[in-house]
Amino acid sequence: MARRPCLLVVDDDPAIREGLCEELAAAGYDTLAAPDGERAHALFRRLQAVELRLERLDHRRRLAHARARLVAADERLRAGVVARRHRGDGRWRTLSARLDSLSPLAVLGRGYALCWADDGRTLVRESRPELVGHDVRVTLARGELQCRVTAAAPGVGRAGPHLHEQDT
C-alpha cells in the first residue's frame, strides 16, 4: 500500500495550525504539527530516526527471508546430489558386478582352464601333434597343474591359431 505524503505544519497559533492540518488531511496528506521551529526540528529528527529504524527492520526482514530461501535451496540441492550419487553408485555396482563376472578368475571358476606352453607365455588353444612330449601348465580357478602331453587328438572347436602369444 502506498504511503501518503506527510507535511510538518509549524505555527505558533493553535487555531491556524489545526485548520491547516484539517485542510491538508482532506487533500490527502498526513500532517504533523509543532508550535515553533525548535520543536519542529526535534520532531523532524525523531521522525528521521524512526524512519531509519523502520528501513533497517525492513532490510533485516528481507535479509532473513533471503537467508531462509538460501537454506531451503541448499537443502534441496544437497538432497538432489545425494539422490543422484545414490543412483550413480547403484549403476557403478551393477557395472562392476558385470565386469567381475568377466574377470579371468571368474571365468575359470565356471569350470574353464587356461593351458600354457612350457615357455609360460604362449596360450595353447587347441590340440596339436607337435605338443606331444612337451610340458604344459594348466591354470584352474584354484591352483595350477604341471602336465606332460602324451597324446594329441583333434577335437571340435573354434578355428584359429594353434599357439597364441600373450602380450607381455
N, C-alpha and C. Protein backbone atom coordinates (compact mmCIF):
# COMPACT_ATOMS: atom_id res chain seq x y z
N MET A 1 0.84 -1.16 0.00
CA MET A 1 0.00 0.00 0.00
C MET A 1 0.90 1.24 0.00
N ALA A 2 0.59 2.21 -0.84
CA ALA A 2 1.40 3.42 -0.95
C ALA A 2 1.16 4.33 0.25
N ARG A 3 2.23 4.89 0.70
CA ARG A 3 2.12 5.83 1.84
C ARG A 3 1.70 7.20 1.33
N ARG A 4 0.91 7.88 2.15
CA ARG A 4 0.51 9.25 1.82
C ARG A 4 1.64 10.20 2.20
N PRO A 5 1.81 11.28 1.47
CA PRO A 5 2.83 12.27 1.84
C PRO A 5 2.51 12.88 3.20
N CYS A 6 3.55 13.19 3.94
CA CYS A 6 3.39 13.77 5.28
C CYS A 6 4.01 15.17 5.29
N LEU A 7 3.26 16.15 5.84
CA LEU A 7 3.74 17.52 5.91
C LEU A 7 3.83 17.95 7.37
N LEU A 8 4.85 18.73 7.67
CA LEU A 8 5.05 19.26 9.02
C LEU A 8 4.56 20.72 9.02
N VAL A 9 3.52 20.99 9.83
CA VAL A 9 2.93 22.32 9.91
C VAL A 9 3.48 23.00 11.16
N VAL A 10 4.09 24.18 10.99
CA VAL A 10 4.68 24.92 12.11
C VAL A 10 4.00 26.29 12.16
N ASP A 11 3.34 26.55 13.29
CA ASP A 11 2.73 27.87 13.50
C ASP A 11 2.50 28.04 14.99
N ASP A 12 2.71 29.26 15.50
CA ASP A 12 2.54 29.48 16.93
C ASP A 12 1.08 29.66 17.32
N ASP A 13 0.20 29.84 16.34
CA ASP A 13 -1.23 29.98 16.62
C ASP A 13 -1.88 28.61 16.48
N PRO A 14 -2.43 28.06 17.59
CA PRO A 14 -3.04 26.73 17.54
C PRO A 14 -4.21 26.64 16.55
N ALA A 15 -5.01 27.65 16.42
CA ALA A 15 -6.17 27.60 15.54
C ALA A 15 -5.73 27.49 14.08
N ILE A 16 -4.71 28.26 13.71
CA ILE A 16 -4.20 28.19 12.33
C ILE A 16 -3.57 26.83 12.08
N ARG A 17 -2.78 26.35 13.07
CA ARG A 17 -2.12 25.03 12.94
C ARG A 17 -3.16 23.95 12.71
N GLU A 18 -4.20 23.92 13.55
CA GLU A 18 -5.23 22.86 13.45
C GLU A 18 -6.01 22.99 12.15
N GLY A 19 -6.32 24.23 11.74
CA GLY A 19 -7.07 24.44 10.50
C GLY A 19 -6.27 23.96 9.29
N LEU A 20 -4.99 24.29 9.26
CA LEU A 20 -4.14 23.83 8.15
C LEU A 20 -4.05 22.30 8.12
N CYS A 21 -3.91 21.71 9.30
CA CYS A 21 -3.81 20.24 9.36
C CYS A 21 -5.08 19.59 8.83
N GLU A 22 -6.27 20.16 9.16
CA GLU A 22 -7.54 19.60 8.69
C GLU A 22 -7.66 19.73 7.17
N GLU A 23 -7.30 20.89 6.63
CA GLU A 23 -7.38 21.12 5.19
C GLU A 23 -6.43 20.18 4.44
N LEU A 24 -5.23 20.01 4.97
CA LEU A 24 -4.24 19.14 4.30
C LEU A 24 -4.67 17.67 4.37
N ALA A 25 -5.26 17.29 5.50
CA ALA A 25 -5.75 15.92 5.64
C ALA A 25 -6.86 15.66 4.62
N ALA A 26 -7.74 16.64 4.43
CA ALA A 26 -8.82 16.49 3.45
C ALA A 26 -8.27 16.41 2.03
N ALA A 27 -7.11 17.00 1.81
CA ALA A 27 -6.48 16.96 0.48
C ALA A 27 -5.64 15.70 0.28
N GLY A 28 -5.57 14.81 1.28
CA GLY A 28 -4.86 13.54 1.13
C GLY A 28 -3.48 13.50 1.73
N TYR A 29 -3.18 14.43 2.62
CA TYR A 29 -1.86 14.47 3.25
C TYR A 29 -1.97 14.05 4.71
N ASP A 30 -0.93 13.41 5.21
CA ASP A 30 -0.77 13.21 6.65
C ASP A 30 -0.05 14.45 7.15
N THR A 31 -0.35 14.84 8.38
CA THR A 31 0.27 16.05 8.90
C THR A 31 0.80 15.83 10.30
N LEU A 32 1.83 16.60 10.63
CA LEU A 32 2.37 16.71 11.98
C LEU A 32 2.42 18.19 12.29
N ALA A 33 2.22 18.53 13.56
CA ALA A 33 2.17 19.96 13.91
C ALA A 33 3.14 20.26 15.03
N ALA A 34 3.73 21.44 14.96
CA ALA A 34 4.63 21.92 16.01
C ALA A 34 4.38 23.42 16.20
N PRO A 35 4.48 23.89 17.48
CA PRO A 35 4.18 25.30 17.74
C PRO A 35 5.34 26.24 17.39
N ASP A 36 6.58 25.70 17.26
CA ASP A 36 7.71 26.58 16.93
C ASP A 36 8.79 25.80 16.21
N GLY A 37 9.81 26.51 15.73
CA GLY A 37 10.88 25.90 14.94
C GLY A 37 11.70 24.89 15.71
N GLU A 38 11.96 25.19 17.01
CA GLU A 38 12.77 24.28 17.82
C GLU A 38 12.08 22.93 17.99
N ARG A 39 10.80 22.96 18.32
CA ARG A 39 10.05 21.70 18.48
C ARG A 39 9.87 21.00 17.13
N ALA A 40 9.71 21.76 16.07
CA ALA A 40 9.59 21.16 14.73
C ALA A 40 10.88 20.43 14.35
N HIS A 41 12.01 21.07 14.68
CA HIS A 41 13.30 20.44 14.38
C HIS A 41 13.48 19.16 15.19
N ALA A 42 13.12 19.17 16.47
CA ALA A 42 13.23 17.97 17.31
C ALA A 42 12.31 16.87 16.79
N LEU A 43 11.09 17.24 16.40
CA LEU A 43 10.14 16.26 15.85
C LEU A 43 10.68 15.67 14.55
N PHE A 44 11.25 16.52 13.72
CA PHE A 44 11.80 16.05 12.45
C PHE A 44 12.95 15.06 12.67
N ARG A 45 13.84 15.35 13.64
CA ARG A 45 14.94 14.42 13.94
C ARG A 45 14.42 13.09 14.46
N ARG A 46 13.41 13.12 15.31
CA ARG A 46 12.82 11.86 15.82
C ARG A 46 12.21 11.06 14.67
N LEU A 47 11.53 11.77 13.78
CA LEU A 47 10.93 11.07 12.64
C LEU A 47 11.99 10.44 11.74
N GLN A 48 13.08 11.14 11.55
CA GLN A 48 14.18 10.57 10.76
C GLN A 48 14.73 9.32 11.43
N ALA A 49 14.89 9.34 12.74
CA ALA A 49 15.40 8.17 13.46
C ALA A 49 14.44 7.00 13.35
N VAL A 50 13.14 7.28 13.49
CA VAL A 50 12.13 6.21 13.36
C VAL A 50 12.15 5.65 11.95
N GLU A 51 12.21 6.54 10.95
CA GLU A 51 12.24 6.09 9.56
C GLU A 51 13.46 5.20 9.30
N LEU A 52 14.62 5.59 9.83
CA LEU A 52 15.84 4.79 9.66
C LEU A 52 15.68 3.42 10.31
N ARG A 53 15.10 3.39 11.52
CA ARG A 53 14.87 2.10 12.18
C ARG A 53 13.93 1.22 11.38
N LEU A 54 12.88 1.82 10.83
CA LEU A 54 11.93 1.05 10.02
C LEU A 54 12.61 0.48 8.77
N GLU A 55 13.47 1.29 8.13
CA GLU A 55 14.20 0.79 6.97
C GLU A 55 15.12 -0.37 7.34
N ARG A 56 15.78 -0.23 8.49
CA ARG A 56 16.66 -1.32 8.95
C ARG A 56 15.86 -2.58 9.22
N LEU A 57 14.71 -2.40 9.87
CA LEU A 57 13.86 -3.57 10.13
C LEU A 57 13.42 -4.22 8.83
N ASP A 58 13.06 -3.39 7.85
CA ASP A 58 12.65 -3.93 6.56
C ASP A 58 13.81 -4.66 5.90
N HIS A 59 15.02 -4.10 5.97
CA HIS A 59 16.19 -4.77 5.40
C HIS A 59 16.48 -6.06 6.14
N ARG A 60 16.36 -6.04 7.45
CA ARG A 60 16.59 -7.27 8.23
C ARG A 60 15.57 -8.33 7.88
N ARG A 61 14.30 -7.90 7.71
CA ARG A 61 13.26 -8.86 7.34
C ARG A 61 13.57 -9.46 5.97
N ARG A 62 13.96 -8.60 5.03
CA ARG A 62 14.29 -9.09 3.69
C ARG A 62 15.51 -10.02 3.73
N LEU A 63 16.50 -9.64 4.52
CA LEU A 63 17.70 -10.47 4.65
C LEU A 63 17.36 -11.82 5.27
N ALA A 64 16.52 -11.82 6.30
CA ALA A 64 16.11 -13.09 6.93
C ALA A 64 15.34 -13.95 5.93
N HIS A 65 14.49 -13.32 5.14
CA HIS A 65 13.73 -14.06 4.13
C HIS A 65 14.68 -14.65 3.07
N ALA A 66 15.65 -13.84 2.63
CA ALA A 66 16.62 -14.34 1.64
C ALA A 66 17.45 -15.48 2.21
N ARG A 67 17.86 -15.36 3.48
CA ARG A 67 18.62 -16.45 4.11
C ARG A 67 17.80 -17.73 4.17
N ALA A 68 16.53 -17.59 4.55
CA ALA A 68 15.66 -18.77 4.62
C ALA A 68 15.52 -19.43 3.26
N ARG A 69 15.40 -18.62 2.20
CA ARG A 69 15.31 -19.18 0.86
C ARG A 69 16.60 -19.88 0.46
N LEU A 70 17.75 -19.29 0.83
CA LEU A 70 19.03 -19.91 0.52
C LEU A 70 19.20 -21.23 1.25
N VAL A 71 18.80 -21.27 2.52
CA VAL A 71 18.91 -22.52 3.29
C VAL A 71 18.02 -23.59 2.66
N ALA A 72 16.80 -23.22 2.28
CA ALA A 72 15.90 -24.19 1.64
C ALA A 72 16.48 -24.68 0.31
N ALA A 73 17.03 -23.76 -0.48
CA ALA A 73 17.63 -24.16 -1.76
C ALA A 73 18.84 -25.07 -1.53
N ASP A 74 19.65 -24.76 -0.52
CA ASP A 74 20.81 -25.59 -0.19
C ASP A 74 20.37 -27.00 0.21
N GLU A 75 19.31 -27.09 1.00
CA GLU A 75 18.81 -28.40 1.42
C GLU A 75 18.31 -29.20 0.22
N ARG A 76 17.57 -28.53 -0.68
CA ARG A 76 17.09 -29.24 -1.87
C ARG A 76 18.25 -29.69 -2.75
N LEU A 77 19.25 -28.82 -2.89
CA LEU A 77 20.41 -29.17 -3.70
C LEU A 77 21.17 -30.35 -3.10
N ARG A 78 21.38 -30.31 -1.79
CA ARG A 78 22.08 -31.43 -1.14
C ARG A 78 21.31 -32.74 -1.30
N ALA A 79 19.99 -32.68 -1.14
CA ALA A 79 19.17 -33.88 -1.29
C ALA A 79 19.26 -34.41 -2.72
N GLY A 80 19.26 -33.49 -3.69
CA GLY A 80 19.39 -33.90 -5.09
C GLY A 80 20.73 -34.54 -5.38
N VAL A 81 21.79 -33.98 -4.81
CA VAL A 81 23.13 -34.53 -5.02
C VAL A 81 23.22 -35.93 -4.41
N VAL A 82 22.69 -36.09 -3.21
CA VAL A 82 22.73 -37.40 -2.54
C VAL A 82 21.94 -38.42 -3.36
N ALA A 83 20.75 -38.02 -3.83
CA ALA A 83 19.94 -38.96 -4.63
C ALA A 83 20.65 -39.32 -5.92
N ARG A 84 21.23 -38.33 -6.56
CA ARG A 84 21.94 -38.60 -7.82
C ARG A 84 23.15 -39.50 -7.58
N ARG A 85 23.88 -39.23 -6.50
CA ARG A 85 25.04 -40.06 -6.19
C ARG A 85 24.61 -41.48 -5.86
N HIS A 86 23.48 -41.62 -5.17
CA HIS A 86 22.99 -42.95 -4.84
C HIS A 86 22.63 -43.72 -6.11
N ARG A 87 21.95 -43.04 -7.06
CA ARG A 87 21.63 -43.70 -8.33
C ARG A 87 22.91 -44.07 -9.06
N GLY A 88 23.89 -43.15 -9.06
CA GLY A 88 25.16 -43.43 -9.73
C GLY A 88 25.90 -44.58 -9.09
N ASP A 89 25.87 -44.64 -7.73
CA ASP A 89 26.53 -45.76 -7.04
C ASP A 89 25.90 -47.08 -7.43
N GLY A 90 24.58 -47.11 -7.56
CA GLY A 90 23.89 -48.35 -7.97
C GLY A 90 24.31 -48.77 -9.36
N ARG A 91 24.44 -47.80 -10.25
CA ARG A 91 24.88 -48.11 -11.62
C ARG A 91 26.30 -48.65 -11.62
N TRP A 92 27.18 -48.01 -10.82
CA TRP A 92 28.57 -48.48 -10.74
C TRP A 92 28.62 -49.90 -10.17
N ARG A 93 27.80 -50.17 -9.16
CA ARG A 93 27.79 -51.53 -8.59
C ARG A 93 27.35 -52.54 -9.63
N THR A 94 26.33 -52.19 -10.44
CA THR A 94 25.85 -53.09 -11.48
C THR A 94 26.94 -53.34 -12.52
N LEU A 95 27.57 -52.27 -12.97
CA LEU A 95 28.65 -52.42 -13.96
C LEU A 95 29.82 -53.20 -13.39
N SER A 96 30.15 -52.92 -12.15
CA SER A 96 31.26 -53.63 -11.51
C SER A 96 30.96 -55.12 -11.42
N ALA A 97 29.73 -55.46 -11.07
CA ALA A 97 29.37 -56.88 -10.98
C ALA A 97 29.46 -57.55 -12.35
N ARG A 98 29.02 -56.85 -13.38
CA ARG A 98 29.12 -57.41 -14.73
C ARG A 98 30.58 -57.63 -15.13
N LEU A 99 31.43 -56.65 -14.84
CA LEU A 99 32.84 -56.79 -15.18
C LEU A 99 33.50 -57.89 -14.34
N ASP A 100 33.13 -57.98 -13.07
CA ASP A 100 33.69 -59.04 -12.23
C ASP A 100 33.36 -60.42 -12.78
N SER A 101 32.17 -60.57 -13.35
CA SER A 101 31.80 -61.89 -13.90
C SER A 101 32.64 -62.24 -15.12
N LEU A 102 33.26 -61.23 -15.75
CA LEU A 102 34.10 -61.49 -16.92
C LEU A 102 35.58 -61.57 -16.59
N SER A 103 35.93 -61.40 -15.33
CA SER A 103 37.35 -61.46 -14.98
C SER A 103 37.88 -62.87 -15.22
N PRO A 104 39.17 -63.01 -15.50
CA PRO A 104 39.74 -64.34 -15.77
C PRO A 104 39.48 -65.34 -14.65
N LEU A 105 39.59 -64.90 -13.41
CA LEU A 105 39.34 -65.84 -12.30
C LEU A 105 37.88 -66.26 -12.24
N ALA A 106 36.95 -65.35 -12.55
CA ALA A 106 35.54 -65.71 -12.56
C ALA A 106 35.25 -66.71 -13.67
N VAL A 107 35.87 -66.52 -14.84
CA VAL A 107 35.69 -67.47 -15.95
C VAL A 107 36.23 -68.83 -15.56
N LEU A 108 37.41 -68.85 -14.95
CA LEU A 108 37.98 -70.13 -14.51
C LEU A 108 37.08 -70.79 -13.47
N GLY A 109 36.46 -69.98 -12.62
CA GLY A 109 35.58 -70.51 -11.58
C GLY A 109 34.36 -71.20 -12.15
N ARG A 110 34.00 -70.92 -13.38
CA ARG A 110 32.85 -71.57 -14.00
C ARG A 110 33.25 -72.89 -14.68
N GLY A 111 34.48 -73.35 -14.46
CA GLY A 111 34.89 -74.65 -14.98
C GLY A 111 35.85 -74.59 -16.14
N TYR A 112 36.27 -73.45 -16.54
CA TYR A 112 37.23 -73.33 -17.63
C TYR A 112 38.65 -73.37 -17.07
N ALA A 113 39.61 -73.59 -17.96
CA ALA A 113 41.01 -73.62 -17.57
C ALA A 113 41.83 -72.96 -18.68
N LEU A 114 43.02 -72.49 -18.33
CA LEU A 114 43.95 -71.96 -19.31
C LEU A 114 45.15 -72.90 -19.38
N CYS A 115 45.55 -73.18 -20.60
CA CYS A 115 46.66 -74.09 -20.80
C CYS A 115 47.80 -73.31 -21.46
N TRP A 116 48.97 -73.30 -20.79
CA TRP A 116 50.12 -72.54 -21.26
C TRP A 116 51.20 -73.51 -21.75
N ALA A 117 51.88 -73.12 -22.82
CA ALA A 117 53.01 -73.92 -23.31
C ALA A 117 54.15 -73.81 -22.29
N ASP A 118 55.18 -74.62 -22.47
CA ASP A 118 56.26 -74.68 -21.48
C ASP A 118 57.05 -73.38 -21.37
N ASP A 119 56.92 -72.45 -22.34
CA ASP A 119 57.62 -71.17 -22.21
C ASP A 119 56.91 -70.22 -21.24
N GLY A 120 55.67 -70.52 -20.83
CA GLY A 120 54.92 -69.73 -19.87
C GLY A 120 54.26 -68.50 -20.47
N ARG A 121 54.45 -68.24 -21.76
CA ARG A 121 53.88 -67.05 -22.39
C ARG A 121 52.90 -67.39 -23.50
N THR A 122 52.94 -68.61 -24.01
CA THR A 122 52.12 -68.98 -25.15
C THR A 122 50.91 -69.76 -24.67
N LEU A 123 49.74 -69.28 -25.03
CA LEU A 123 48.48 -69.92 -24.66
C LEU A 123 48.17 -71.01 -25.67
N VAL A 124 47.94 -72.24 -25.18
CA VAL A 124 47.60 -73.37 -26.05
C VAL A 124 46.10 -73.34 -26.25
N ARG A 125 45.67 -73.18 -27.53
CA ARG A 125 44.25 -73.02 -27.82
C ARG A 125 43.61 -74.26 -28.41
N GLU A 126 44.43 -75.20 -28.91
CA GLU A 126 43.86 -76.42 -29.48
C GLU A 126 44.90 -77.54 -29.45
N SER A 127 44.40 -78.75 -29.59
CA SER A 127 45.26 -79.94 -29.57
C SER A 127 46.04 -80.03 -30.88
N ARG A 128 47.39 -80.19 -30.76
CA ARG A 128 48.25 -80.28 -31.93
C ARG A 128 49.27 -81.39 -31.71
N PRO A 129 49.56 -82.16 -32.73
CA PRO A 129 50.52 -83.26 -32.57
C PRO A 129 51.91 -82.77 -32.14
N GLU A 130 52.32 -81.56 -32.51
CA GLU A 130 53.66 -81.10 -32.14
C GLU A 130 53.81 -80.83 -30.66
N LEU A 131 52.68 -80.84 -29.89
CA LEU A 131 52.76 -80.63 -28.44
C LEU A 131 53.12 -81.92 -27.69
N VAL A 132 53.01 -83.04 -28.36
CA VAL A 132 53.31 -84.33 -27.71
C VAL A 132 54.75 -84.31 -27.25
N GLY A 133 54.95 -84.67 -25.98
CA GLY A 133 56.28 -84.71 -25.39
C GLY A 133 56.67 -83.41 -24.70
N HIS A 134 55.91 -82.38 -24.86
CA HIS A 134 56.20 -81.09 -24.21
C HIS A 134 55.41 -80.96 -22.90
N ASP A 135 55.97 -80.10 -22.02
CA ASP A 135 55.27 -79.80 -20.77
C ASP A 135 54.32 -78.62 -20.99
N VAL A 136 53.19 -78.67 -20.32
CA VAL A 136 52.23 -77.55 -20.33
C VAL A 136 51.83 -77.26 -18.90
N ARG A 137 51.40 -76.02 -18.69
CA ARG A 137 50.92 -75.62 -17.36
C ARG A 137 49.44 -75.29 -17.51
N VAL A 138 48.59 -75.87 -16.68
CA VAL A 138 47.14 -75.65 -16.74
C VAL A 138 46.75 -74.83 -15.52
N THR A 139 46.18 -73.63 -15.77
CA THR A 139 45.74 -72.77 -14.69
C THR A 139 44.25 -72.99 -14.47
N LEU A 140 43.89 -73.31 -13.23
CA LEU A 140 42.50 -73.56 -12.84
C LEU A 140 42.03 -72.41 -11.93
N ALA A 141 40.77 -72.45 -11.54
CA ALA A 141 40.25 -71.43 -10.64
C ALA A 141 41.03 -71.43 -9.34
N ARG A 142 41.43 -72.60 -8.89
CA ARG A 142 42.22 -72.72 -7.65
C ARG A 142 43.41 -73.63 -7.92
N GLY A 143 44.51 -72.99 -8.26
CA GLY A 143 45.75 -73.75 -8.42
C GLY A 143 46.14 -73.96 -9.86
N GLU A 144 47.26 -74.65 -10.03
CA GLU A 144 47.80 -74.95 -11.35
C GLU A 144 48.24 -76.41 -11.40
N LEU A 145 48.29 -76.94 -12.61
CA LEU A 145 48.77 -78.30 -12.85
C LEU A 145 49.94 -78.23 -13.83
N GLN A 146 51.00 -78.98 -13.55
CA GLN A 146 52.10 -79.15 -14.48
C GLN A 146 51.88 -80.50 -15.15
N CYS A 147 51.79 -80.52 -16.48
CA CYS A 147 51.44 -81.75 -17.20
C CYS A 147 52.41 -81.98 -18.37
N ARG A 148 52.60 -83.24 -18.74
CA ARG A 148 53.35 -83.58 -19.95
C ARG A 148 52.34 -84.15 -20.94
N VAL A 149 52.40 -83.64 -22.20
CA VAL A 149 51.45 -84.07 -23.22
C VAL A 149 51.95 -85.41 -23.77
N THR A 150 51.09 -86.43 -23.65
CA THR A 150 51.46 -87.76 -24.13
C THR A 150 50.73 -88.12 -25.41
N ALA A 151 49.62 -87.41 -25.70
CA ALA A 151 48.87 -87.67 -26.93
C ALA A 151 48.11 -86.40 -27.29
N ALA A 152 47.83 -86.23 -28.58
CA ALA A 152 47.07 -85.08 -29.05
C ALA A 152 46.02 -85.57 -30.02
N ALA A 153 44.77 -85.41 -29.65
CA ALA A 153 43.66 -85.85 -30.52
C ALA A 153 42.92 -84.59 -31.01
N PRO A 154 42.70 -84.51 -32.31
CA PRO A 154 41.97 -83.34 -32.81
C PRO A 154 40.54 -83.37 -32.28
N GLY A 155 40.01 -82.20 -31.99
CA GLY A 155 38.64 -82.12 -31.47
C GLY A 155 37.86 -81.06 -32.22
N VAL A 156 36.62 -80.94 -31.85
CA VAL A 156 35.75 -79.95 -32.46
C VAL A 156 35.90 -78.67 -31.65
N GLY A 157 36.17 -77.59 -32.31
CA GLY A 157 36.33 -76.32 -31.60
C GLY A 157 36.43 -75.18 -32.59
N ARG A 158 36.73 -74.03 -32.10
CA ARG A 158 36.86 -72.85 -32.96
C ARG A 158 38.12 -72.97 -33.80
N ALA A 159 38.05 -72.52 -35.02
CA ALA A 159 39.23 -72.48 -35.87
C ALA A 159 40.06 -71.27 -35.47
N GLY A 160 41.33 -71.34 -35.61
CA GLY A 160 42.18 -70.21 -35.28
C GLY A 160 43.59 -70.66 -35.09
N PRO A 161 44.45 -69.76 -34.65
CA PRO A 161 45.86 -70.10 -34.47
C PRO A 161 46.02 -71.17 -33.40
N HIS A 162 47.04 -71.99 -33.57
CA HIS A 162 47.27 -73.10 -32.65
C HIS A 162 47.93 -72.63 -31.38
N LEU A 163 48.85 -71.74 -31.50
CA LEU A 163 49.51 -71.18 -30.32
C LEU A 163 49.28 -69.67 -30.37
N HIS A 164 49.06 -69.08 -29.23
CA HIS A 164 48.70 -67.67 -29.18
C HIS A 164 49.65 -66.96 -28.24
N GLU A 165 50.45 -66.02 -28.76
CA GLU A 165 51.38 -65.26 -27.92
C GLU A 165 50.59 -64.31 -27.05
N GLN A 166 50.87 -64.34 -25.76
CA GLN A 166 50.21 -63.40 -24.85
C GLN A 166 51.03 -62.10 -24.80
N ASP A 167 50.34 -60.97 -24.72
CA ASP A 167 51.05 -59.69 -24.61
C ASP A 167 51.82 -59.66 -23.31
N THR A 168 53.07 -59.21 -23.41
CA THR A 168 53.87 -59.13 -22.17
C THR A 168 54.10 -57.69 -21.80
